[in-house]
């Protein structure tokens, strides 16, 4: 289990380094996850220690929502004051996400049917 945790922290550390020195626009943990994903795709399998750590993390994902809930309560006056703008941004982003997903899915389905 310690080995899996060390692997995750090493990939996050690499992501932080790349984010700090090369791509400051993308957060380090996101880059670390991308690097880990590419590594696992190239490797072809997940070792047992990494799998056990990821299983333990996924069982406790609800704990990660506690800081967000505290932030919502802390900034409730600002959220109320800007409720219309926040609602509009959320609605537009959801619609755009669904539209981009549909276009991408259609493009991939067309590409797959041409290959068959």
N, C-alpha and C. Protein backbone atom coordinates (compact mmCIF):
# COMPACT_ATOMS: atom_id res chain seq x y z
N UNK A 1 0.83 -1.19 0.00
CA UNK A 1 0.00 0.00 0.00
C UNK A 1 0.88 1.26 0.00
N UNK A 2 1.96 1.24 0.74
CA UNK A 2 2.87 2.39 0.79
C UNK A 2 3.49 2.61 -0.59
N UNK A 3 3.83 1.53 -1.26
CA UNK A 3 4.42 1.65 -2.59
C UNK A 3 3.46 2.33 -3.57
N UNK A 4 2.20 1.98 -3.51
CA UNK A 4 1.20 2.62 -4.37
C UNK A 4 1.04 4.09 -4.07
N UNK A 5 1.03 4.44 -2.79
CA UNK A 5 0.93 5.84 -2.40
C UNK A 5 2.15 6.64 -2.85
N UNK A 6 3.31 6.03 -2.74
CA UNK A 6 4.54 6.69 -3.21
C UNK A 6 4.48 6.92 -4.72
N UNK A 7 3.97 5.94 -5.45
CA UNK A 7 3.83 6.10 -6.91
C UNK A 7 2.93 7.27 -7.25
N UNK A 8 1.81 7.36 -6.58
CA UNK A 8 0.87 8.46 -6.84
C UNK A 8 1.52 9.80 -6.51
N UNK A 9 2.21 9.87 -5.38
CA UNK A 9 2.86 11.11 -4.98
C UNK A 9 4.01 11.48 -5.92
N UNK A 10 4.73 10.50 -6.44
CA UNK A 10 5.79 10.78 -7.40
C UNK A 10 5.23 11.36 -8.70
N UNK A 11 4.14 10.78 -9.19
CA UNK A 11 3.53 11.31 -10.42
C UNK A 11 2.98 12.70 -10.18
N UNK A 12 2.40 12.94 -9.01
CA UNK A 12 1.92 14.28 -8.70
C UNK A 12 3.08 15.26 -8.60
N UNK A 13 4.16 14.83 -7.99
CA UNK A 13 5.35 15.68 -7.90
C UNK A 13 5.91 16.03 -9.27
N UNK A 14 5.96 15.04 -10.17
CA UNK A 14 6.40 15.31 -11.53
C UNK A 14 5.46 16.29 -12.21
N UNK A 15 4.18 16.12 -11.99
CA UNK A 15 3.20 17.06 -12.56
C UNK A 15 3.39 18.46 -12.01
N UNK A 16 3.68 18.57 -10.72
CA UNK A 16 3.93 19.88 -10.12
C UNK A 16 5.17 20.54 -10.72
N UNK A 17 6.22 19.76 -10.93
CA UNK A 17 7.44 20.30 -11.52
C UNK A 17 7.19 20.80 -12.94
N UNK A 18 6.53 19.99 -13.73
CA UNK A 18 6.23 20.39 -15.12
C UNK A 18 5.32 21.61 -15.12
N UNK A 19 4.34 21.63 -14.23
CA UNK A 19 3.43 22.76 -14.15
C UNK A 19 4.18 24.03 -13.75
N UNK A 20 5.10 23.91 -12.84
CA UNK A 20 5.81 25.09 -12.34
C UNK A 20 6.79 25.64 -13.38
N UNK A 21 7.49 24.76 -14.09
CA UNK A 21 8.54 25.20 -14.99
C UNK A 21 8.16 25.24 -16.46
N UNK A 22 7.19 24.44 -16.89
CA UNK A 22 6.89 24.34 -18.32
C UNK A 22 5.49 24.81 -18.68
N UNK A 23 4.47 24.29 -18.00
CA UNK A 23 3.07 24.60 -18.31
C UNK A 23 2.37 25.19 -17.10
N UNK A 24 2.58 26.45 -16.79
CA UNK A 24 1.96 27.00 -15.57
C UNK A 24 0.44 27.15 -15.68
N UNK A 25 -0.12 26.97 -16.85
CA UNK A 25 -1.57 27.11 -17.03
C UNK A 25 -2.30 25.89 -16.46
N UNK A 26 -1.70 24.71 -16.57
CA UNK A 26 -2.34 23.47 -16.14
C UNK A 26 -1.86 23.13 -14.73
N UNK A 27 -2.79 22.82 -13.81
CA UNK A 27 -2.39 22.48 -12.43
C UNK A 27 -1.53 21.21 -12.38
N UNK A 28 -0.60 21.19 -11.45
CA UNK A 28 0.30 20.06 -11.30
C UNK A 28 -0.39 18.73 -11.06
N UNK A 29 -1.39 18.66 -10.16
CA UNK A 29 -2.05 17.37 -9.96
C UNK A 29 -2.74 16.84 -11.22
N UNK A 30 -3.26 17.74 -12.05
CA UNK A 30 -3.89 17.31 -13.30
C UNK A 30 -2.83 16.72 -14.23
N UNK A 31 -1.69 17.40 -14.34
CA UNK A 31 -0.61 16.87 -15.17
C UNK A 31 -0.11 15.53 -14.61
N UNK A 32 0.00 15.44 -13.29
CA UNK A 32 0.42 14.18 -12.69
C UNK A 32 -0.53 13.03 -13.01
N UNK A 33 -1.83 13.30 -12.98
CA UNK A 33 -2.80 12.26 -13.34
C UNK A 33 -2.68 11.88 -14.81
N UNK A 34 -2.44 12.87 -15.67
CA UNK A 34 -2.26 12.57 -17.10
C UNK A 34 -1.00 11.73 -17.31
N UNK A 35 0.09 12.09 -16.63
CA UNK A 35 1.32 11.30 -16.74
C UNK A 35 1.11 9.88 -16.23
N UNK A 36 0.40 9.74 -15.11
CA UNK A 36 0.12 8.41 -14.57
C UNK A 36 -0.73 7.60 -15.54
N UNK A 37 -1.73 8.24 -16.13
CA UNK A 37 -2.58 7.55 -17.10
C UNK A 37 -1.77 7.07 -18.30
N UNK A 38 -0.93 7.94 -18.83
CA UNK A 38 -0.09 7.55 -19.98
C UNK A 38 0.84 6.41 -19.59
N UNK A 39 1.44 6.50 -18.41
CA UNK A 39 2.32 5.44 -17.94
C UNK A 39 1.57 4.11 -17.84
N UNK A 40 0.37 4.14 -17.28
CA UNK A 40 -0.40 2.90 -17.13
C UNK A 40 -0.84 2.35 -18.47
N UNK A 41 -1.16 3.23 -19.42
CA UNK A 41 -1.53 2.76 -20.76
C UNK A 41 -0.33 2.08 -21.42
N UNK A 42 0.84 2.69 -21.31
CA UNK A 42 2.04 2.11 -21.90
C UNK A 42 2.40 0.79 -21.21
N UNK A 43 2.30 0.78 -19.88
CA UNK A 43 2.63 -0.42 -19.11
C UNK A 43 1.63 -1.55 -19.37
N UNK A 44 0.36 -1.20 -19.50
CA UNK A 44 -0.65 -2.19 -19.83
C UNK A 44 -1.37 -2.80 -18.65
N UNK A 45 -0.89 -2.58 -17.44
CA UNK A 45 -1.59 -3.11 -16.27
C UNK A 45 -1.29 -2.24 -15.05
N UNK A 46 -2.06 -2.47 -14.00
CA UNK A 46 -1.90 -1.72 -12.75
C UNK A 46 -1.40 -2.69 -11.69
N UNK A 47 -0.31 -2.34 -11.02
CA UNK A 47 0.20 -3.25 -9.99
C UNK A 47 -0.73 -3.25 -8.77
N UNK A 48 -0.59 -4.25 -7.93
CA UNK A 48 -1.55 -4.45 -6.83
C UNK A 48 -1.49 -3.34 -5.79
N UNK A 49 -0.31 -2.81 -5.51
CA UNK A 49 -0.23 -1.75 -4.49
C UNK A 49 -0.92 -0.48 -4.97
N UNK A 50 -0.75 -0.13 -6.23
CA UNK A 50 -1.42 1.05 -6.78
C UNK A 50 -2.93 0.83 -6.84
N UNK A 51 -3.35 -0.39 -7.19
CA UNK A 51 -4.78 -0.70 -7.24
C UNK A 51 -5.40 -0.63 -5.84
N UNK A 52 -4.69 -1.10 -4.83
CA UNK A 52 -5.26 -1.06 -3.47
C UNK A 52 -5.39 0.38 -2.96
N UNK A 53 -4.41 1.23 -3.28
CA UNK A 53 -4.49 2.63 -2.87
C UNK A 53 -5.63 3.33 -3.60
N UNK A 54 -5.76 3.09 -4.89
CA UNK A 54 -6.84 3.73 -5.65
C UNK A 54 -8.21 3.24 -5.19
N UNK A 55 -8.31 1.97 -4.82
CA UNK A 55 -9.58 1.47 -4.28
C UNK A 55 -9.91 2.14 -2.94
N UNK A 56 -8.90 2.30 -2.10
CA UNK A 56 -9.12 2.96 -0.81
C UNK A 56 -9.54 4.41 -1.01
N UNK A 57 -8.89 5.12 -1.95
CA UNK A 57 -9.27 6.50 -2.24
C UNK A 57 -10.70 6.59 -2.75
N UNK A 58 -11.06 5.69 -3.65
CA UNK A 58 -12.40 5.77 -4.24
C UNK A 58 -13.50 5.44 -3.22
N UNK A 59 -13.18 4.68 -2.19
CA UNK A 59 -14.17 4.39 -1.16
C UNK A 59 -14.42 5.60 -0.26
N UNK A 60 -13.51 6.56 -0.24
CA UNK A 60 -13.64 7.71 0.64
C UNK A 60 -13.70 9.03 -0.13
N UNK A 61 -14.21 9.00 -1.35
CA UNK A 61 -14.30 10.22 -2.16
C UNK A 61 -15.23 11.26 -1.55
N UNK A 62 -16.21 10.83 -0.79
CA UNK A 62 -17.15 11.76 -0.17
C UNK A 62 -16.47 12.75 0.76
N UNK A 63 -15.36 12.35 1.37
CA UNK A 63 -14.63 13.24 2.27
C UNK A 63 -14.10 14.46 1.50
N UNK A 64 -13.82 14.29 0.22
CA UNK A 64 -13.28 15.39 -0.58
C UNK A 64 -14.30 16.51 -0.79
N UNK A 65 -15.58 16.24 -0.57
CA UNK A 65 -16.59 17.27 -0.74
C UNK A 65 -16.73 18.16 0.49
N UNK A 66 -16.13 17.79 1.61
CA UNK A 66 -16.23 18.59 2.83
C UNK A 66 -15.62 19.99 2.63
N UNK A 67 -14.40 20.14 2.08
CA UNK A 67 -13.88 21.49 1.89
C UNK A 67 -14.74 22.33 0.94
N UNK A 68 -15.30 21.71 -0.08
CA UNK A 68 -16.17 22.46 -1.00
C UNK A 68 -17.42 22.94 -0.27
N UNK A 69 -17.99 22.11 0.56
CA UNK A 69 -19.18 22.51 1.31
C UNK A 69 -18.86 23.63 2.30
N UNK A 70 -17.70 23.57 2.92
CA UNK A 70 -17.29 24.64 3.82
C UNK A 70 -17.10 25.93 3.04
N UNK A 71 -16.52 25.84 1.85
CA UNK A 71 -16.36 27.03 1.01
C UNK A 71 -17.68 27.64 0.60
N UNK A 72 -18.65 26.79 0.29
CA UNK A 72 -19.97 27.31 -0.08
C UNK A 72 -20.59 28.06 1.09
N UNK A 73 -20.49 27.50 2.27
CA UNK A 73 -21.04 28.17 3.45
C UNK A 73 -20.28 29.46 3.75
N UNK A 74 -18.98 29.42 3.60
CA UNK A 74 -18.16 30.59 3.90
C UNK A 74 -18.47 31.75 2.95
N UNK A 75 -18.67 31.44 1.68
CA UNK A 75 -18.91 32.48 0.67
C UNK A 75 -20.38 32.58 0.28
N UNK A 76 -21.28 32.17 1.14
CA UNK A 76 -22.70 32.21 0.83
C UNK A 76 -23.20 33.62 0.50
N UNK A 77 -22.78 34.67 1.19
CA UNK A 77 -23.25 36.01 0.80
C UNK A 77 -22.83 36.40 -0.63
N UNK A 78 -21.60 36.07 -1.01
CA UNK A 78 -21.15 36.38 -2.36
C UNK A 78 -21.89 35.53 -3.39
N UNK A 79 -22.16 34.29 -3.03
CA UNK A 79 -22.90 33.42 -3.95
C UNK A 79 -24.33 33.93 -4.15
N UNK A 80 -24.95 34.40 -3.08
CA UNK A 80 -26.30 34.95 -3.20
C UNK A 80 -26.30 36.21 -4.05
N UNK A 81 -25.29 37.06 -3.86
CA UNK A 81 -25.23 38.32 -4.61
C UNK A 81 -25.01 38.08 -6.10
N UNK A 82 -24.32 37.01 -6.44
CA UNK A 82 -24.00 36.72 -7.84
C UNK A 82 -24.73 35.47 -8.35
N UNK A 83 -25.86 35.17 -7.78
CA UNK A 83 -26.58 33.93 -8.12
C UNK A 83 -26.96 33.87 -9.59
N UNK A 84 -27.40 34.97 -10.17
CA UNK A 84 -27.80 34.96 -11.59
C UNK A 84 -26.61 34.67 -12.49
N UNK A 85 -25.49 35.32 -12.26
CA UNK A 85 -24.30 35.10 -13.08
C UNK A 85 -23.77 33.68 -12.92
N UNK A 86 -23.77 33.17 -11.70
CA UNK A 86 -23.29 31.81 -11.45
C UNK A 86 -24.21 30.80 -12.12
N UNK A 87 -25.51 31.00 -11.99
CA UNK A 87 -26.47 30.09 -12.63
C UNK A 87 -26.32 30.10 -14.15
N UNK A 88 -26.15 31.29 -14.72
CA UNK A 88 -25.98 31.38 -16.17
C UNK A 88 -24.70 30.68 -16.61
N UNK A 89 -23.61 30.88 -15.88
CA UNK A 89 -22.35 30.23 -16.22
C UNK A 89 -22.46 28.71 -16.12
N UNK A 90 -23.12 28.23 -15.09
CA UNK A 90 -23.31 26.79 -14.95
C UNK A 90 -24.17 26.22 -16.07
N UNK A 91 -25.26 26.90 -16.39
CA UNK A 91 -26.14 26.43 -17.44
C UNK A 91 -25.43 26.40 -18.79
N UNK A 92 -24.73 27.47 -19.11
CA UNK A 92 -24.01 27.54 -20.39
C UNK A 92 -22.93 26.47 -20.46
N UNK A 93 -22.19 26.27 -19.37
CA UNK A 93 -21.13 25.26 -19.39
C UNK A 93 -21.69 23.85 -19.53
N UNK A 94 -22.82 23.58 -18.90
CA UNK A 94 -23.43 22.25 -19.04
C UNK A 94 -23.90 22.02 -20.47
N UNK A 95 -24.56 23.01 -21.05
CA UNK A 95 -25.04 22.88 -22.43
C UNK A 95 -23.86 22.70 -23.38
N UNK A 96 -22.80 23.49 -23.22
CA UNK A 96 -21.63 23.35 -24.09
C UNK A 96 -20.94 22.00 -23.92
N UNK A 97 -20.88 21.52 -22.69
CA UNK A 97 -20.27 20.21 -22.45
C UNK A 97 -21.06 19.11 -23.14
N UNK A 98 -22.37 19.15 -23.03
CA UNK A 98 -23.20 18.15 -23.69
C UNK A 98 -23.06 18.24 -25.20
N UNK A 99 -23.03 19.46 -25.74
CA UNK A 99 -22.90 19.65 -27.19
C UNK A 99 -21.55 19.13 -27.69
N UNK A 100 -20.47 19.47 -27.01
CA UNK A 100 -19.15 19.00 -27.43
C UNK A 100 -19.06 17.49 -27.33
N UNK A 101 -19.62 16.91 -26.29
CA UNK A 101 -19.62 15.46 -26.15
C UNK A 101 -20.39 14.80 -27.27
N UNK A 102 -21.54 15.36 -27.64
CA UNK A 102 -22.34 14.79 -28.73
C UNK A 102 -21.60 14.88 -30.06
N UNK A 103 -20.98 16.01 -30.33
CA UNK A 103 -20.23 16.17 -31.58
C UNK A 103 -19.06 15.21 -31.62
N UNK A 104 -18.34 15.09 -30.52
CA UNK A 104 -17.20 14.18 -30.47
C UNK A 104 -17.64 12.73 -30.62
N UNK A 105 -18.73 12.36 -29.97
CA UNK A 105 -19.24 11.00 -30.09
C UNK A 105 -19.67 10.69 -31.51
N UNK A 106 -20.34 11.64 -32.15
CA UNK A 106 -20.76 11.45 -33.54
C UNK A 106 -19.53 11.29 -34.45
N UNK A 107 -18.51 12.12 -34.22
CA UNK A 107 -17.30 12.04 -35.03
C UNK A 107 -16.59 10.70 -34.83
N UNK A 108 -16.50 10.24 -33.58
CA UNK A 108 -15.87 8.95 -33.31
C UNK A 108 -16.67 7.79 -33.89
N UNK A 109 -18.00 7.88 -33.84
CA UNK A 109 -18.83 6.82 -34.40
C UNK A 109 -18.68 6.76 -35.92
N UNK A 110 -18.61 7.93 -36.55
CA UNK A 110 -18.41 7.98 -38.00
C UNK A 110 -17.04 7.42 -38.37
N UNK A 111 -16.03 7.76 -37.59
CA UNK A 111 -14.67 7.26 -37.84
C UNK A 111 -14.62 5.75 -37.66
N UNK A 112 -15.32 5.23 -36.65
CA UNK A 112 -15.35 3.79 -36.39
C UNK A 112 -16.08 3.05 -37.50
N UNK A 113 -17.16 3.63 -38.03
CA UNK A 113 -17.91 2.95 -39.09
C UNK A 113 -17.14 2.93 -40.39
N UNK A 114 -16.28 3.92 -40.65
CA UNK A 114 -15.47 3.93 -41.85
C UNK A 114 -14.35 2.91 -41.76
N UNK A 115 -13.86 2.63 -40.58
CA UNK A 115 -12.80 1.66 -40.40
C UNK A 115 -13.30 0.23 -40.52
N UNK A 116 -14.58 0.01 -40.24
CA UNK A 116 -15.13 -1.36 -40.26
C UNK A 116 -15.39 -1.86 -41.65
